[in-house]
Amino acid sequence: MDIIMKLPVLLLLIFIIGALARGMYCLAKDDGSQTGERLVKALTIRIALSFLLFGLLIGGYLLGFIQPHG
């Protein structure tokens, strides 16, 4: 897997971890006065990024950028 696939995968993983951290922050700091919109938005972004990463990996495999081992 060369840089064409490594860089987007790495960036998506960093963004996924960032969205997860933001969700954890919102969960810890919101005192219940809000309806949880910030938490839901952060976790929705994380799920969307995870689906995008999965699609990128499947697409990379189908296009031949990613080769299985063994």
N, C-alpha and C. Protein backbone atom coordinates (compact mmCIF):
# COMPACT_ATOMS: atom_id res chain seq x y z
N MET A 1 0.86 -1.17 0.00
CA MET A 1 0.00 0.00 0.00
C MET A 1 0.91 1.23 0.00
N ASP A 2 0.88 1.99 -1.06
CA ASP A 2 1.75 3.14 -1.13
C ASP A 2 1.05 4.39 -0.57
N ILE A 3 1.67 5.53 -0.75
CA ILE A 3 1.21 6.77 -0.13
C ILE A 3 -0.17 7.19 -0.62
N ILE A 4 -0.60 6.71 -1.80
CA ILE A 4 -1.93 7.06 -2.32
C ILE A 4 -3.02 6.56 -1.38
N MET A 5 -2.82 5.42 -0.74
CA MET A 5 -3.81 4.88 0.19
C MET A 5 -3.47 5.15 1.64
N LYS A 6 -2.19 5.24 1.98
CA LYS A 6 -1.81 5.41 3.38
C LYS A 6 -2.24 6.76 3.94
N LEU A 7 -2.04 7.81 3.18
CA LEU A 7 -2.34 9.15 3.69
C LEU A 7 -3.84 9.35 3.95
N PRO A 8 -4.74 9.04 3.03
CA PRO A 8 -6.17 9.21 3.34
C PRO A 8 -6.64 8.32 4.50
N VAL A 9 -6.12 7.10 4.57
CA VAL A 9 -6.52 6.21 5.67
C VAL A 9 -6.05 6.79 7.00
N LEU A 10 -4.82 7.25 7.04
CA LEU A 10 -4.28 7.83 8.28
C LEU A 10 -5.05 9.09 8.67
N LEU A 11 -5.35 9.95 7.71
CA LEU A 11 -6.11 11.16 8.01
C LEU A 11 -7.52 10.84 8.51
N LEU A 12 -8.17 9.88 7.89
CA LEU A 12 -9.51 9.50 8.35
C LEU A 12 -9.47 8.91 9.75
N LEU A 13 -8.45 8.11 10.05
CA LEU A 13 -8.33 7.57 11.41
C LEU A 13 -8.12 8.67 12.44
N ILE A 14 -7.33 9.68 12.10
CA ILE A 14 -7.11 10.80 13.01
C ILE A 14 -8.41 11.57 13.23
N PHE A 15 -9.17 11.81 12.15
CA PHE A 15 -10.45 12.52 12.28
C PHE A 15 -11.46 11.70 13.08
N ILE A 16 -11.46 10.39 12.91
CA ILE A 16 -12.37 9.52 13.67
C ILE A 16 -12.04 9.59 15.16
N ILE A 17 -10.77 9.54 15.50
CA ILE A 17 -10.37 9.63 16.90
C ILE A 17 -10.72 11.01 17.46
N GLY A 18 -10.54 12.06 16.65
CA GLY A 18 -10.92 13.40 17.09
C GLY A 18 -12.41 13.53 17.35
N ALA A 19 -13.23 12.97 16.48
CA ALA A 19 -14.69 13.02 16.68
C ALA A 19 -15.09 12.21 17.90
N LEU A 20 -14.43 11.10 18.13
CA LEU A 20 -14.71 10.30 19.32
C LEU A 20 -14.33 11.06 20.59
N ALA A 21 -13.18 11.74 20.56
CA ALA A 21 -12.76 12.53 21.72
C ALA A 21 -13.73 13.69 21.96
N ARG A 22 -14.20 14.31 20.89
CA ARG A 22 -15.17 15.40 21.05
C ARG A 22 -16.47 14.88 21.65
N GLY A 23 -16.91 13.72 21.23
CA GLY A 23 -18.11 13.12 21.81
C GLY A 23 -17.93 12.82 23.28
N MET A 24 -16.75 12.33 23.65
CA MET A 24 -16.48 12.05 25.06
C MET A 24 -16.47 13.35 25.87
N TYR A 25 -15.88 14.41 25.30
CA TYR A 25 -15.87 15.70 25.97
C TYR A 25 -17.29 16.23 26.17
N CYS A 26 -18.10 16.15 25.13
CA CYS A 26 -19.49 16.63 25.22
C CYS A 26 -20.27 15.81 26.24
N LEU A 27 -20.03 14.53 26.31
CA LEU A 27 -20.71 13.68 27.27
C LEU A 27 -20.33 14.05 28.69
N ALA A 28 -19.05 14.36 28.90
CA ALA A 28 -18.59 14.68 30.25
C ALA A 28 -18.97 16.10 30.68
N LYS A 29 -18.98 17.06 29.75
CA LYS A 29 -19.17 18.46 30.12
C LYS A 29 -20.60 18.96 30.04
N ASP A 30 -21.43 18.37 29.22
CA ASP A 30 -22.83 18.82 29.16
C ASP A 30 -23.54 18.42 30.44
N ASP A 31 -24.20 19.37 31.05
CA ASP A 31 -24.83 19.11 32.35
C ASP A 31 -26.28 18.63 32.25
N GLY A 32 -26.72 18.31 31.08
CA GLY A 32 -28.08 17.82 30.90
C GLY A 32 -29.05 18.92 30.53
N SER A 33 -28.60 20.17 30.55
CA SER A 33 -29.50 21.26 30.19
C SER A 33 -29.79 21.28 28.69
N GLN A 34 -28.83 20.82 27.91
CA GLN A 34 -29.05 20.74 26.46
C GLN A 34 -29.65 19.38 26.14
N THR A 35 -30.13 19.24 24.94
CA THR A 35 -30.78 17.99 24.56
C THR A 35 -29.77 16.95 24.07
N GLY A 36 -28.50 17.22 24.18
CA GLY A 36 -27.49 16.28 23.73
C GLY A 36 -27.16 16.42 22.26
N GLU A 37 -27.48 17.58 21.69
CA GLU A 37 -27.25 17.78 20.26
C GLU A 37 -25.77 17.70 19.90
N ARG A 38 -24.91 18.26 20.75
CA ARG A 38 -23.48 18.24 20.46
C ARG A 38 -22.95 16.81 20.47
N LEU A 39 -23.40 16.01 21.43
CA LEU A 39 -22.96 14.62 21.51
C LEU A 39 -23.43 13.83 20.31
N VAL A 40 -24.67 13.99 19.95
CA VAL A 40 -25.24 13.26 18.81
C VAL A 40 -24.53 13.66 17.52
N LYS A 41 -24.25 14.96 17.36
CA LYS A 41 -23.57 15.43 16.16
C LYS A 41 -22.15 14.86 16.08
N ALA A 42 -21.43 14.86 17.20
CA ALA A 42 -20.06 14.33 17.21
C ALA A 42 -20.05 12.84 16.88
N LEU A 43 -20.96 12.09 17.44
CA LEU A 43 -20.99 10.65 17.18
C LEU A 43 -21.50 10.34 15.77
N THR A 44 -22.39 11.17 15.24
CA THR A 44 -22.83 10.99 13.86
C THR A 44 -21.69 11.23 12.89
N ILE A 45 -20.89 12.24 13.16
CA ILE A 45 -19.72 12.51 12.32
C ILE A 45 -18.75 11.33 12.39
N ARG A 46 -18.56 10.76 13.59
CA ARG A 46 -17.65 9.62 13.73
C ARG A 46 -18.15 8.42 12.93
N ILE A 47 -19.44 8.16 12.98
CA ILE A 47 -20.00 7.03 12.24
C ILE A 47 -19.87 7.26 10.74
N ALA A 48 -20.14 8.48 10.29
CA ALA A 48 -20.02 8.79 8.86
C ALA A 48 -18.57 8.62 8.39
N LEU A 49 -17.62 9.08 9.19
CA LEU A 49 -16.21 8.93 8.84
C LEU A 49 -15.80 7.46 8.83
N SER A 50 -16.35 6.68 9.74
CA SER A 50 -16.04 5.25 9.76
C SER A 50 -16.55 4.55 8.51
N PHE A 51 -17.76 4.90 8.08
CA PHE A 51 -18.29 4.34 6.84
C PHE A 51 -17.46 4.78 5.63
N LEU A 52 -17.02 6.02 5.64
CA LEU A 52 -16.17 6.51 4.57
C LEU A 52 -14.84 5.76 4.52
N LEU A 53 -14.27 5.50 5.68
CA LEU A 53 -13.02 4.73 5.74
C LEU A 53 -13.22 3.31 5.23
N PHE A 54 -14.32 2.69 5.64
CA PHE A 54 -14.62 1.34 5.18
C PHE A 54 -14.79 1.32 3.66
N GLY A 55 -15.52 2.29 3.13
CA GLY A 55 -15.68 2.37 1.68
C GLY A 55 -14.37 2.61 0.96
N LEU A 56 -13.51 3.43 1.55
CA LEU A 56 -12.20 3.69 0.96
C LEU A 56 -11.35 2.41 0.92
N LEU A 57 -11.39 1.65 1.98
CA LEU A 57 -10.63 0.40 2.01
C LEU A 57 -11.17 -0.62 1.01
N ILE A 58 -12.48 -0.74 0.94
CA ILE A 58 -13.08 -1.67 -0.03
C ILE A 58 -12.78 -1.21 -1.45
N GLY A 59 -12.92 0.09 -1.71
CA GLY A 59 -12.61 0.62 -3.04
C GLY A 59 -11.14 0.43 -3.40
N GLY A 60 -10.24 0.63 -2.45
CA GLY A 60 -8.82 0.42 -2.69
C GLY A 60 -8.51 -1.03 -3.01
N TYR A 61 -9.20 -1.93 -2.35
CA TYR A 61 -9.01 -3.35 -2.65
C TYR A 61 -9.52 -3.70 -4.04
N LEU A 62 -10.71 -3.20 -4.38
CA LEU A 62 -11.29 -3.52 -5.68
C LEU A 62 -10.51 -2.90 -6.84
N LEU A 63 -9.90 -1.74 -6.60
CA LEU A 63 -9.12 -1.09 -7.65
C LEU A 63 -7.67 -1.58 -7.70
N GLY A 64 -7.28 -2.42 -6.77
CA GLY A 64 -5.96 -3.00 -6.77
C GLY A 64 -4.89 -2.21 -6.04
N PHE A 65 -5.27 -1.17 -5.30
CA PHE A 65 -4.29 -0.41 -4.52
C PHE A 65 -3.86 -1.18 -3.28
N ILE A 66 -4.74 -2.01 -2.76
CA ILE A 66 -4.46 -2.78 -1.55
C ILE A 66 -4.40 -4.26 -1.95
N GLN A 67 -3.32 -4.92 -1.60
CA GLN A 67 -3.16 -6.35 -1.91
C GLN A 67 -3.19 -7.15 -0.60
N PRO A 68 -3.93 -8.24 -0.57
CA PRO A 68 -3.94 -9.07 0.64
C PRO A 68 -2.62 -9.84 0.78
N HIS A 69 -2.27 -10.14 2.01
CA HIS A 69 -1.06 -10.91 2.28
C HIS A 69 -1.38 -12.39 2.28
N GLY A 70 -0.38 -13.19 1.97
CA GLY A 70 -0.50 -14.63 2.06
C GLY A 70 -1.31 -15.20 0.96
